[in-house]
Amino acid sequence: MPRQSPILMTACRIFANLCGWLCLIWASEWAGAAEPIPTVPANSMVEWSVVSKKDHADPFNEVQLDFVVTTPNHQTVRVPGFWAGGRNWRGRYSSATLGVHGLQEAEGSVEVTPYRGDNRLLLHGGLRVAADHRHFAYQDGTPFFWLGDTWWMGLCARLKWPEDFQTLAADRNAKGFNVIQIVAGLYPDMPAFDERGANEAGFPWEKDYRRIRPEYFDAADRRIFYLVDQGFVPCVVGAWGYHLPWLGANKMKQHWRYLVARWGALPVVWCAAGEGTMPFYLSKDPSAESALQKREWTEVIRFIHATDPFHRLVTIHPPSRARDSVTDASVLDFDMHQSGHGEPAFRHGALALGAYRSEPVMPVISGEARYEALEIRPKLDAADARQAFWAHTICSGCAGHTYGANGIWQVNQRDRPYGASPGGNNWGTTPWDDAMRLPGSSQLAAAKRLLESITWYKLEPHPEWVAWSGQADNKPVSPLCAGAGDELRLLYLLEPRPVALNGLRAGMFYHLEWFNPVTGVRQPASRLIPDAQGNAVVTPPADETHDWAAVITSP
């Protein structure tokens, strides 16, 4: 049995100061049972519940509730509440600030106490952009290297709860993954209300989009809570981009307010949409739909920022670059890429380096790249997945990267593969649990361990510091380099050829350590001494023909 979740809320029933949709709804409409001040560890979630004394014909659309909280340092936080069905509304809250947090003009309070466990998200707080605007950090400033996995359809019933979901989580946890990209029910690769997208309670919306269905999110809660309990950051993708024209901008904002109210108190990251500007596969006017989506997703992102009192990071998953999928790049906290499945490694690097050099400055990651796949064409194996990781990561300044395996994202079951896409193609039948064991995930996990053994958060891309030594035949892809002054360099070579380094400090002794990206084995360190001009030539081990990485450090 899994251990008791520290984030499955401390529940208390309270009176609340609440806001109406267009006018104030006084607290006399609401009933609750006041309890003694509960305590909750820092960064853990507490839930407040209220019950309406009267029926509403259409509560989801007629009533909007906020819980107004005063913090120990006398700041006011307006927390969106959510309709929980019938006459019931709830609000969820968390804070790192120790002390008593009280509800204004109400009889409910919570005391935030120090967290004593080992969950890094609760110990250090959720994610933020680091001070250099290039990397991620926990709220307390501890560096965070993003290694994500795409479970796009992971909230559907085909990934069975609890056995399948927890098995996949355990595998990714053991390998060191720390972000799960997961869609909140409005999925890719299917039309709306396709039965393959239902969870144990059905769909997130009624089929006419009149109102949201709390039953769906009650079931989804279990999975999102479990991810946080296991130390994963849920990167919640609100919808695939083409759902926005179907719902309309106002309904999509309602959808996002509901997500913020449900999960904003957890250490999540928000991804407004998947492939935000991609129209539906069978669209009759794709150009017009794409332009509309670009405009309206930008407004939805502004709405997310304005609604979320916890200020979780926000991005959008794009057809190419997030900053190209919105009308104003400043609405983004970080730039997520879909850097291509069939694209060669150097194009992954070029996309990343271009974004790194763009304004406004923000962290850059690939949120989808070269899915490891046994069946689709072109066939992509572990080498393709790891080459995309190294190329994009080094050229983006080492903020992080997301892996993907075909079979997991769409949740192929062994006896029930996903089936056809709207366009008629089929992505293959590899079961999710076979895809879970593909070697690429272990190879990227080993790469993350290497990076976390050095000060990776100081690295910047420096392609000018490295070149092939001598005359290279067949014009191989250039070696890649990131560095941090004189103290650290990280190299990646797609081919095992001698490499010429420049810009080293003459007279300084360096340690050179080769890393095998296939096996994850680190070779014994050797001494590297540059010449009087600060140049040196290094050669990877001769008995292997695959790609190599190297770490060069000053003693």
Protein backbone atom coordinates (compact mmCIF):
# COMPACT_ATOMS: atom_id res chain seq x y z
CA MET A 1 0.00 0.00 0.00
CA PRO A 2 1.28 3.53 -0.73
CA ARG A 3 2.16 5.66 2.25
CA GLN A 4 -0.31 8.22 3.54
CA SER A 5 -0.22 11.28 1.34
CA PRO A 6 1.02 14.47 3.05
CA ILE A 7 -0.84 16.61 0.52
CA LEU A 8 -4.26 14.98 0.72
CA MET A 9 -5.76 17.91 2.45
CA THR A 10 -6.52 18.74 6.05
CA ALA A 11 -10.27 19.34 5.75
CA CYS A 12 -12.26 21.77 7.84
CA ARG A 13 -15.71 23.23 7.44
CA ILE A 14 -15.99 27.00 7.86
CA PHE A 15 -18.04 30.11 7.21
CA ALA A 16 -16.50 32.10 4.34
CA ASN A 17 -16.50 35.57 2.85
CA LEU A 18 -17.62 34.84 -0.72
CA CYS A 19 -18.04 36.77 -3.95
CA GLY A 20 -20.88 36.43 -6.44
CA TRP A 21 -20.61 36.32 -10.23
CA LEU A 22 -21.77 39.89 -10.70
CA CYS A 23 -22.58 40.95 -7.17
CA LEU A 24 -21.62 40.08 -3.62
CA ILE A 25 -23.35 37.00 -2.22
CA TRP A 26 -23.41 37.44 1.54
CA ALA A 27 -22.09 34.80 3.87
CA SER A 28 -25.61 34.39 5.31
CA GLU A 29 -26.37 32.24 2.26
CA TRP A 30 -23.73 29.73 3.29
CA ALA A 31 -23.54 27.17 6.05
CA GLY A 32 -20.57 25.41 7.60
CA ALA A 33 -19.36 24.00 10.87
CA ALA A 34 -16.53 25.99 12.44
CA GLU A 35 -13.75 23.90 13.95
CA PRO A 36 -10.64 24.65 16.02
CA ILE A 37 -7.70 26.04 14.07
CA PRO A 38 -6.26 23.13 12.05
CA THR A 39 -2.57 22.87 11.36
CA VAL A 40 -0.99 22.02 8.04
CA PRO A 41 2.71 21.70 7.09
CA ALA A 42 4.25 24.41 4.93
CA ASN A 43 3.41 24.10 1.21
CA SER A 44 0.77 21.43 1.94
CA MET A 45 -2.83 21.88 0.92
CA VAL A 46 -5.77 22.63 3.19
CA GLU A 47 -9.38 22.51 1.97
CA TRP A 48 -12.32 24.62 3.14
CA SER A 49 -15.92 23.63 2.34
CA VAL A 50 -19.18 25.55 2.34
CA VAL A 51 -22.74 24.53 1.56
CA SER A 52 -25.37 26.84 0.06
CA LYS A 53 -28.62 27.14 2.02
CA LYS A 54 -30.58 27.39 -1.23
CA ASP A 55 -30.64 25.72 -4.60
CA HIS A 56 -29.39 27.41 -7.76
CA ALA A 57 -30.80 26.45 -11.12
CA ASP A 58 -27.32 26.44 -12.68
CA PRO A 59 -24.77 26.76 -9.87
CA PHE A 60 -21.64 26.41 -12.03
CA ASN A 61 -22.65 29.31 -14.29
CA GLU A 62 -24.58 31.43 -11.79
CA VAL A 63 -22.24 31.50 -8.80
CA GLN A 64 -18.53 32.24 -8.52
CA LEU A 65 -16.98 32.05 -5.06
CA ASP A 66 -13.71 33.33 -3.65
CA PHE A 67 -12.17 32.61 -0.25
CA VAL A 68 -10.38 35.71 1.07
CA VAL A 69 -7.40 34.84 3.29
CA THR A 70 -5.27 37.12 5.45
CA THR A 71 -1.70 35.88 5.89
CA PRO A 72 0.45 36.29 9.04
CA ASN A 73 2.23 39.23 7.37
CA HIS A 74 -1.16 40.92 6.77
CA GLN A 75 -1.36 40.34 3.04
CA THR A 76 -4.68 39.46 1.43
CA VAL A 77 -4.97 36.44 -0.86
CA ARG A 78 -8.13 35.86 -2.90
CA VAL A 79 -8.41 32.11 -3.53
CA PRO A 80 -10.88 30.96 -6.21
CA GLY A 81 -13.36 28.38 -5.00
CA PHE A 82 -14.84 25.63 -7.13
CA TRP A 83 -18.24 24.06 -7.44
CA ALA A 84 -18.13 20.53 -6.02
CA GLY A 85 -21.66 19.50 -7.14
CA GLY A 86 -25.10 20.23 -5.76
CA ARG A 87 -24.97 22.96 -3.12
CA ASN A 88 -21.29 22.37 -2.32
CA TRP A 89 -18.31 24.64 -2.94
CA ARG A 90 -14.70 24.23 -1.84
CA GLY A 91 -11.53 26.25 -1.65
CA ARG A 92 -7.97 24.96 -1.49
CA TYR A 93 -5.03 26.85 -0.08
CA SER A 94 -1.35 26.42 0.72
CA SER A 95 1.48 28.65 1.84
CA ALA A 96 5.13 28.57 2.85
CA THR A 97 4.57 31.38 5.36
CA LEU A 98 4.47 30.05 8.90
CA GLY A 99 1.74 31.22 11.26
CA VAL A 100 -2.03 31.61 11.32
CA HIS A 101 -3.82 32.31 8.04
CA GLY A 102 -7.38 33.49 8.60
CA LEU A 103 -10.47 33.86 6.48
CA GLN A 104 -11.73 37.44 6.48
CA GLU A 105 -15.01 37.95 8.35
CA ALA A 106 -15.27 34.21 8.88
CA GLU A 107 -14.66 31.57 11.51
CA GLY A 108 -12.07 29.51 9.66
CA SER A 109 -8.29 29.64 10.05
CA VAL A 110 -5.31 27.42 9.47
CA GLU A 111 -1.90 27.45 11.12
CA VAL A 112 1.00 26.69 8.79
CA THR A 113 3.78 24.81 10.59
CA PRO A 114 7.25 23.68 9.45
CA TYR A 115 7.33 20.71 7.09
CA ARG A 116 9.31 17.78 8.53
CA GLY A 117 9.25 15.24 5.70
CA ASP A 118 11.44 14.45 2.69
CA ASN A 119 9.19 15.48 -0.22
CA ARG A 120 11.33 18.09 -1.98
CA LEU A 121 8.28 19.96 -3.29
CA LEU A 122 6.98 20.48 0.22
CA LEU A 123 10.43 21.02 1.73
CA HIS A 124 11.53 23.64 -0.82
CA GLY A 125 8.23 24.81 -2.34
CA GLY A 126 6.95 24.74 -5.91
CA LEU A 127 8.85 25.90 -8.97
CA ARG A 128 9.80 29.42 -9.96
CA VAL A 129 12.16 30.96 -12.48
CA ALA A 130 15.66 31.27 -11.02
CA ALA A 131 17.28 34.66 -10.50
CA ASP A 132 19.28 34.36 -13.75
CA HIS A 133 16.02 33.93 -15.75
CA ARG A 134 17.65 30.92 -17.45
CA HIS A 135 16.85 28.03 -15.14
CA PHE A 136 14.24 26.74 -12.71
CA ALA A 137 14.43 26.71 -8.94
CA TYR A 138 12.24 25.70 -6.04
CA GLN A 139 10.61 28.58 -4.17
CA ASP A 140 13.47 28.69 -1.67
CA GLY A 141 16.05 29.07 -4.45
CA THR A 142 17.29 25.47 -4.60
CA PRO A 143 18.14 24.68 -8.26
CA PHE A 144 15.73 22.40 -10.15
CA PHE A 145 16.68 20.53 -13.33
CA TRP A 146 13.52 19.64 -15.28
CA LEU A 147 13.35 16.02 -16.51
CA GLY A 148 9.81 15.53 -17.72
CA ASP A 149 7.77 12.73 -19.21
CA THR A 150 4.67 13.07 -21.41
CA TRP A 151 1.62 11.25 -20.06
CA TRP A 152 -0.77 13.30 -22.19
CA MET A 153 -3.74 10.98 -21.60
CA GLY A 154 -2.68 9.86 -18.14
CA LEU A 155 -5.94 11.00 -16.49
CA CYS A 156 -8.09 8.68 -18.62
CA ALA A 157 -9.44 5.33 -17.42
CA ARG A 158 -7.27 3.35 -19.84
CA LEU A 159 -4.32 3.98 -17.49
CA LYS A 160 -6.02 2.18 -14.63
CA TRP A 161 -6.13 3.64 -11.16
CA PRO A 162 -4.39 2.79 -8.95
CA GLU A 163 -2.37 -0.13 -10.31
CA ASP A 164 -1.24 1.16 -13.73
CA PHE A 165 -0.81 4.77 -12.72
CA GLN A 166 1.24 3.95 -9.64
CA THR A 167 3.37 1.42 -11.54
CA LEU A 168 4.32 4.01 -14.14
CA ALA A 169 4.96 6.61 -11.43
CA ALA A 170 7.22 4.22 -9.52
CA ASP A 171 9.31 3.52 -12.64
CA ARG A 172 9.75 7.21 -13.43
CA ASN A 173 10.44 8.07 -9.81
CA ALA A 174 13.17 5.44 -9.56
CA LYS A 175 14.82 6.83 -12.70
CA GLY A 176 14.82 10.42 -11.45
CA PHE A 177 12.07 12.02 -13.54
CA ASN A 178 10.54 14.95 -11.69
CA VAL A 179 7.91 16.49 -14.01
CA ILE A 180 4.85 14.80 -15.54
CA GLN A 181 3.12 16.60 -18.43
CA ILE A 182 -0.53 15.58 -18.31
CA VAL A 183 -3.69 16.91 -20.02
CA ALA A 184 -6.77 17.87 -18.05
CA GLY A 185 -9.24 15.81 -20.07
CA LEU A 186 -9.46 17.81 -23.33
CA TYR A 187 -7.08 15.58 -25.23
CA PRO A 188 -5.00 15.52 -28.42
CA ASP A 189 -5.46 13.07 -31.27
CA MET A 190 -9.21 12.63 -30.79
CA PRO A 191 -12.44 14.53 -31.31
CA ALA A 192 -14.31 15.91 -28.31
CA PHE A 193 -16.08 13.36 -26.10
CA ASP A 194 -14.32 10.38 -27.65
CA GLU A 195 -14.89 7.46 -25.27
CA ARG A 196 -11.13 6.78 -25.18
CA GLY A 197 -10.69 10.01 -23.24
CA ALA A 198 -13.15 9.32 -20.41
CA ASN A 199 -11.94 8.64 -16.90
CA GLU A 200 -13.72 6.57 -14.26
CA ALA A 201 -16.39 9.27 -13.94
CA GLY A 202 -16.73 10.20 -17.61
CA PHE A 203 -15.78 13.50 -19.22
CA PRO A 204 -14.73 16.86 -17.72
CA TRP A 205 -17.61 18.75 -19.40
CA GLU A 206 -21.21 18.01 -20.27
CA LYS A 207 -21.49 17.30 -23.97
CA ASP A 208 -23.04 20.67 -24.76
CA TYR A 209 -20.29 22.41 -22.75
CA ARG A 210 -22.98 23.90 -20.54
CA ARG A 211 -21.21 23.08 -17.30
CA ILE A 212 -18.19 21.31 -15.90
CA ARG A 213 -18.56 17.91 -14.25
CA PRO A 214 -17.08 17.79 -10.72
CA GLU A 215 -17.20 13.97 -10.74
CA TYR A 216 -14.51 13.89 -13.40
CA PHE A 217 -12.21 16.08 -11.34
CA ASP A 218 -12.88 14.13 -8.13
CA ALA A 219 -11.41 11.11 -9.93
CA ALA A 220 -8.59 13.16 -11.46
CA ASP A 221 -7.70 14.54 -8.01
CA ARG A 222 -6.47 11.13 -6.89
CA ARG A 223 -3.91 11.01 -9.67
CA ILE A 224 -2.71 14.61 -9.41
CA PHE A 225 -2.43 14.30 -5.61
CA TYR A 226 -0.47 11.07 -6.01
CA LEU A 227 2.04 12.67 -8.38
CA VAL A 228 2.75 15.45 -5.87
CA ASP A 229 2.95 12.95 -3.04
CA GLN A 230 5.64 11.08 -4.99
CA GLY A 231 7.61 14.29 -5.58
CA PHE A 232 6.59 14.96 -9.20
CA VAL A 233 5.67 18.41 -10.46
CA PRO A 234 2.42 18.02 -12.44
CA CYS A 235 2.69 20.16 -15.56
CA VAL A 236 -1.05 20.49 -16.12
CA VAL A 237 -1.96 21.04 -19.78
CA GLY A 238 -5.41 22.64 -19.75
CA ALA A 239 -6.50 21.40 -23.17
CA TRP A 240 -5.15 20.62 -26.60
CA GLY A 241 -5.19 23.82 -28.60
CA TYR A 242 -8.03 23.00 -30.98
CA HIS A 243 -10.53 22.61 -28.13
CA LEU A 244 -10.59 26.40 -27.68
CA PRO A 245 -12.74 27.13 -30.78
CA TRP A 246 -15.14 24.39 -29.66
CA LEU A 247 -15.58 25.76 -26.14
CA GLY A 248 -15.08 29.42 -26.97
CA ALA A 249 -12.82 31.76 -25.03
CA ASN A 250 -15.25 32.36 -22.15
CA LYS A 251 -15.84 28.67 -21.48
CA MET A 252 -12.11 28.02 -21.74
CA LYS A 253 -11.54 30.67 -19.07
CA GLN A 254 -14.13 28.92 -16.90
CA HIS A 255 -12.24 25.67 -17.48
CA TRP A 256 -8.99 27.30 -16.43
CA ARG A 257 -10.50 28.98 -13.37
CA TYR A 258 -11.71 25.54 -12.30
CA LEU A 259 -8.23 24.03 -12.76
CA VAL A 260 -6.65 26.86 -10.77
CA ALA A 261 -9.22 26.42 -7.99
CA ARG A 262 -8.76 22.62 -7.91
CA TRP A 263 -4.99 22.34 -8.21
CA GLY A 264 -3.38 25.75 -7.82
CA ALA A 265 -2.66 25.11 -4.13
CA LEU A 266 -0.44 22.19 -5.23
CA PRO A 267 3.11 22.76 -6.56
CA VAL A 268 2.02 22.52 -10.20
CA VAL A 269 3.12 24.20 -13.41
CA TRP A 270 0.49 25.44 -15.86
CA CYS A 271 0.67 24.75 -19.59
CA ALA A 272 -2.21 26.67 -21.16
CA ALA A 273 -2.58 24.31 -24.11
CA GLY A 274 -0.91 21.57 -26.10
CA GLU A 275 0.05 22.55 -29.66
CA GLY A 276 -1.74 25.80 -28.94
CA THR A 277 -2.01 27.10 -32.50
CA MET A 278 -2.59 23.75 -34.22
CA PRO A 279 -6.15 23.52 -35.60
CA PHE A 280 -8.13 20.30 -35.47
CA TYR A 281 -6.86 17.59 -37.80
CA LEU A 282 -9.95 17.79 -40.05
CA SER A 283 -10.32 21.58 -39.96
CA LYS A 284 -11.83 23.18 -43.07
CA ASP A 285 -10.10 26.53 -42.43
CA PRO A 286 -6.85 25.80 -40.58
CA SER A 287 -5.26 29.21 -41.14
CA ALA A 288 -8.17 31.10 -39.63
CA GLU A 289 -8.42 28.71 -36.69
CA SER A 290 -4.70 28.91 -36.01
CA ALA A 291 -4.78 32.72 -35.97
CA LEU A 292 -7.81 32.71 -33.66
CA GLN A 293 -6.13 30.24 -31.31
CA LYS A 294 -2.96 32.34 -31.13
CA ARG A 295 -4.96 35.43 -30.13
CA GLU A 296 -7.32 33.74 -27.72
CA TRP A 297 -4.76 31.50 -25.98
CA THR A 298 -2.77 34.65 -25.26
CA GLU A 299 -5.83 36.09 -23.52
CA VAL A 300 -6.44 32.85 -21.66
CA ILE A 301 -2.85 32.92 -20.36
CA ARG A 302 -3.38 36.47 -19.11
CA PHE A 303 -6.52 35.21 -17.38
CA ILE A 304 -4.58 32.35 -15.73
CA HIS A 305 -2.03 34.80 -14.33
CA ALA A 306 -4.80 37.09 -13.05
CA THR A 307 -6.75 34.21 -11.46
CA ASP A 308 -3.97 32.20 -9.81
CA PRO A 309 -3.15 33.56 -6.33
CA PHE A 310 -0.23 31.11 -6.02
CA HIS A 311 1.56 32.46 -9.12
CA ARG A 312 2.47 29.08 -10.59
CA LEU A 313 4.63 29.17 -13.73
CA VAL A 314 2.75 29.38 -17.03
CA THR A 315 3.74 28.35 -20.56
CA ILE A 316 2.14 26.89 -23.69
CA HIS A 317 3.12 23.74 -25.58
CA PRO A 318 3.57 24.78 -29.23
CA PRO A 319 3.90 23.31 -32.71
CA SER A 320 7.45 24.74 -32.53
CA ARG A 321 8.26 27.48 -29.97
CA ALA A 322 5.95 28.76 -27.23
CA ARG A 323 6.96 32.37 -27.87
CA ASP A 324 5.71 31.97 -31.46
CA SER A 325 2.33 30.60 -30.32
CA VAL A 326 1.22 33.78 -28.53
CA THR A 327 0.85 37.38 -29.62
CA ASP A 328 2.87 38.63 -26.64
CA ALA A 329 5.80 36.52 -25.41
CA SER A 330 5.89 38.41 -22.11
CA VAL A 331 2.86 36.42 -20.91
CA LEU A 332 5.10 33.33 -20.70
CA ASP A 333 7.27 32.37 -17.74
CA PHE A 334 9.31 29.95 -19.85
CA ASP A 335 9.64 28.90 -23.48
CA MET A 336 8.54 25.33 -24.18
CA HIS A 337 9.45 23.75 -27.53
CA GLN A 338 8.14 20.92 -29.60
CA SER A 339 11.48 20.39 -31.25
CA GLY A 340 10.42 17.69 -33.68
CA HIS A 341 10.31 13.91 -33.88
CA GLY A 342 12.05 13.35 -37.19
CA GLU A 343 14.33 16.39 -36.99
CA PRO A 344 18.10 15.70 -36.80
CA ALA A 345 19.93 16.55 -33.60
CA PHE A 346 21.58 19.72 -34.92
CA ARG A 347 18.17 21.23 -35.64
CA HIS A 348 17.11 20.59 -32.05
CA GLY A 349 20.21 22.46 -30.97
CA ALA A 350 19.65 25.31 -33.42
CA LEU A 351 16.05 25.79 -32.23
CA ALA A 352 17.20 25.86 -28.61
CA LEU A 353 20.09 28.24 -29.23
CA GLY A 354 17.87 30.61 -31.17
CA ALA A 355 15.41 30.74 -28.27
CA TYR A 356 18.23 31.17 -25.75
CA ARG A 357 19.36 34.29 -27.63
CA SER A 358 15.83 35.71 -27.98
CA GLU A 359 14.08 38.37 -25.91
CA PRO A 360 12.51 38.33 -23.42
CA VAL A 361 15.01 36.11 -21.60
CA MET A 362 13.41 33.05 -20.02
CA PRO A 363 14.19 29.37 -19.40
CA VAL A 364 14.00 27.20 -22.53
CA ILE A 365 13.08 23.51 -22.56
CA SER A 366 11.89 20.99 -25.11
CA GLY A 367 8.47 19.76 -24.00
CA GLU A 368 8.21 17.18 -26.78
CA ALA A 369 11.02 15.76 -28.89
CA ARG A 370 11.83 12.51 -30.71
CA TYR A 371 9.51 10.09 -28.96
CA GLU A 372 11.20 6.75 -28.51
CA ALA A 373 9.05 4.48 -30.68
CA LEU A 374 9.20 0.95 -32.04
CA GLU A 375 6.60 1.25 -34.78
CA ILE A 376 6.01 4.73 -36.13
CA ARG A 377 7.93 6.11 -39.09
CA PRO A 378 10.56 7.28 -38.94
CA LYS A 379 11.45 4.70 -36.31
CA LEU A 380 13.09 6.42 -33.37
CA ASP A 381 15.20 4.57 -30.83
CA ALA A 382 17.07 5.41 -27.63
CA ALA A 383 19.88 7.09 -29.58
CA ASP A 384 17.41 9.50 -31.16
CA ALA A 385 15.84 10.34 -27.80
CA ARG A 386 19.15 10.97 -26.03
CA GLN A 387 20.63 12.97 -28.93
CA ALA A 388 17.62 15.29 -28.78
CA PHE A 389 18.13 15.60 -25.02
CA TRP A 390 21.80 16.52 -25.26
CA ALA A 391 21.46 18.85 -28.25
CA HIS A 392 18.52 20.79 -26.92
CA THR A 393 19.71 20.84 -23.31
CA ILE A 394 23.23 22.10 -23.97
CA CYS A 395 22.08 24.72 -26.49
CA SER A 396 19.29 26.00 -24.23
CA GLY A 397 21.52 26.58 -21.21
CA CYS A 398 20.62 23.33 -19.40
CA ALA A 399 17.23 24.27 -17.91
CA GLY A 400 15.84 20.81 -18.62
CA HIS A 401 14.15 18.53 -21.15
CA THR A 402 11.09 16.30 -21.57
CA TYR A 403 11.27 12.70 -22.77
CA GLY A 404 8.45 10.82 -24.45
CA ALA A 405 7.68 7.23 -25.38
CA ASN A 406 5.12 6.24 -27.97
CA GLY A 407 2.64 3.98 -26.23
CA ILE A 408 2.66 5.94 -22.97
CA TRP A 409 1.33 9.29 -24.17
CA GLN A 410 -1.81 7.72 -25.66
CA VAL A 411 -1.94 4.81 -23.13
CA ASN A 412 -1.95 1.74 -25.34
CA GLN A 413 -3.30 -1.20 -23.39
CA ARG A 414 -2.00 -4.67 -24.17
CA ASP A 415 -5.43 -5.94 -25.24
CA ARG A 416 -6.77 -2.55 -26.38
CA PRO A 417 -4.40 -0.27 -28.29
CA TYR A 418 -5.41 3.33 -28.75
CA GLY A 419 -6.41 3.00 -32.41
CA ALA A 420 -6.81 5.49 -35.21
CA SER A 421 -6.27 9.24 -35.06
CA PRO A 422 -8.87 11.59 -36.57
CA GLY A 423 -6.83 11.76 -39.77
CA GLY A 424 -6.87 7.97 -40.08
CA ASN A 425 -3.25 7.25 -39.17
CA ASN A 426 -2.24 4.96 -36.34
CA TRP A 427 0.69 5.64 -34.00
CA GLY A 428 1.27 1.95 -33.21
CA THR A 429 0.29 -0.65 -30.67
CA THR A 430 3.22 -0.81 -28.21
CA PRO A 431 1.63 -1.25 -24.74
CA TRP A 432 2.35 1.51 -22.25
CA ASP A 433 4.16 -0.86 -19.87
CA ASP A 434 6.47 -2.08 -22.66
CA ALA A 435 7.11 1.53 -23.66
CA MET A 436 7.90 2.30 -20.00
CA ARG A 437 10.89 -0.08 -20.23
CA LEU A 438 12.42 1.32 -23.42
CA PRO A 439 16.10 2.12 -22.75
CA GLY A 440 15.95 5.82 -23.61
CA SER A 441 14.26 6.75 -20.34
CA SER A 442 17.13 5.18 -18.38
CA GLN A 443 19.72 6.92 -20.56
CA LEU A 444 18.17 10.34 -20.01
CA ALA A 445 17.93 9.61 -16.30
CA ALA A 446 21.67 8.84 -16.25
CA ALA A 447 22.34 12.10 -18.08
CA LYS A 448 20.35 14.00 -15.45
CA ARG A 449 22.42 12.37 -12.68
CA LEU A 450 25.61 13.50 -14.42
CA LEU A 451 24.35 17.07 -14.69
CA GLU A 452 23.22 17.18 -11.09
CA SER A 453 26.71 16.13 -10.00
CA ILE A 454 28.07 19.42 -11.37
CA THR A 455 26.93 23.04 -11.15
CA TRP A 456 24.76 22.64 -14.24
CA TYR A 457 22.77 25.80 -13.39
CA LYS A 458 25.87 27.91 -14.14
CA LEU A 459 26.23 26.59 -17.69
CA GLU A 460 25.69 28.75 -20.77
CA PRO A 461 25.91 27.62 -24.42
CA HIS A 462 29.32 28.36 -25.97
CA PRO A 463 29.49 26.79 -29.46
CA GLU A 464 32.56 28.94 -30.21
CA TRP A 465 34.65 27.07 -27.62
CA VAL A 466 34.73 23.75 -29.49
CA ALA A 467 35.36 22.35 -33.00
CA TRP A 468 36.48 19.13 -34.63
CA SER A 469 40.24 18.74 -34.61
CA GLY A 470 41.91 18.67 -38.00
CA GLN A 471 40.13 17.95 -41.27
CA ALA A 472 36.83 16.24 -40.56
CA ASP A 473 35.48 14.17 -43.43
CA ASN A 474 31.77 13.99 -44.33
CA LYS A 475 31.15 17.29 -42.50
CA PRO A 476 29.90 15.73 -39.27
CA VAL A 477 27.59 17.69 -36.97
CA SER A 478 29.63 20.09 -34.86
CA PRO A 479 30.37 19.16 -31.27
CA LEU A 480 28.36 21.06 -28.66
CA CYS A 481 29.65 22.92 -25.64
CA ALA A 482 28.24 24.70 -22.60
CA GLY A 483 30.44 26.32 -20.00
CA ALA A 484 30.78 28.41 -16.89
CA GLY A 485 33.89 30.58 -17.11
CA ASP A 486 37.14 28.76 -16.35
CA GLU A 487 35.59 26.36 -13.88
CA LEU A 488 33.36 24.08 -15.95
CA ARG A 489 32.68 22.84 -19.46
CA LEU A 490 30.23 20.25 -20.72
CA LEU A 491 30.83 18.72 -24.16
CA TYR A 492 28.64 16.52 -26.34
CA LEU A 493 29.89 14.72 -29.45
CA LEU A 494 27.54 12.92 -31.83
CA GLU A 495 30.58 11.09 -33.19
CA PRO A 496 33.71 9.83 -31.38
CA ARG A 497 36.24 12.15 -33.04
CA PRO A 498 39.08 14.28 -31.63
CA VAL A 499 37.84 17.67 -30.48
CA ALA A 500 39.73 20.98 -30.39
CA LEU A 501 39.02 23.22 -27.38
CA ASN A 502 39.86 26.89 -27.08
CA GLY A 503 39.43 29.64 -24.50
CA LEU A 504 40.92 27.59 -21.66
CA ARG A 505 43.28 29.26 -19.24
CA ALA A 506 46.90 28.65 -20.10
CA GLY A 507 48.89 27.13 -17.29
CA MET A 508 45.80 25.77 -15.49
CA PHE A 509 45.34 22.06 -14.87
CA TYR A 510 41.90 20.65 -15.68
CA HIS A 511 40.18 17.34 -14.97
CA LEU A 512 38.64 15.60 -17.98
CA GLU A 513 35.98 12.95 -17.41
CA TRP A 514 34.30 11.10 -20.29
CA PHE A 515 30.69 9.98 -19.87
CA ASN A 516 29.14 7.14 -21.87
CA PRO A 517 25.56 8.28 -22.67
CA VAL A 518 24.52 4.71 -23.53
CA THR A 519 25.64 2.93 -20.38
CA GLY A 520 25.70 5.88 -18.00
CA VAL A 521 29.26 4.96 -16.97
CA ARG A 522 31.74 7.71 -16.10
CA GLN A 523 35.33 7.04 -17.12
CA PRO A 524 38.16 7.71 -14.65
CA ALA A 525 39.22 11.36 -14.77
CA SER A 526 42.42 12.33 -16.56
CA ARG A 527 44.50 15.52 -16.50
CA LEU A 528 44.08 18.10 -19.24
CA ILE A 529 46.71 20.81 -19.74
CA PRO A 530 46.05 23.53 -22.38
CA ASP A 531 48.88 25.06 -24.38
CA ALA A 532 50.14 28.63 -24.07
CA GLN A 533 47.20 29.89 -26.17
CA GLY A 534 44.62 28.11 -24.02
CA ASN A 535 43.95 25.39 -26.61
CA ALA A 536 43.79 21.61 -26.21
CA VAL A 537 42.69 18.53 -28.13
CA VAL A 538 40.75 15.74 -26.44
CA THR A 539 39.77 12.35 -27.85
CA PRO A 540 36.93 10.13 -26.61
CA PRO A 541 37.59 6.47 -25.79
CA ALA A 542 38.49 4.60 -28.97
CA ASP A 543 36.65 1.34 -28.34
CA GLU A 544 33.15 2.77 -28.84
CA THR A 545 31.45 4.22 -31.92
CA HIS A 546 28.48 6.03 -30.38
CA ASP A 547 28.05 9.56 -29.05
CA TRP A 548 29.98 10.80 -25.99
CA ALA A 549 29.78 13.53 -23.39
CA ALA A 550 32.59 14.99 -21.31
CA VAL A 551 32.90 17.14 -18.21
CA ILE A 552 35.93 19.41 -17.85
CA THR A 553 36.49 21.04 -14.47
CA SER A 554 39.20 23.12 -12.86
CA PRO A 555 40.53 21.66 -9.59
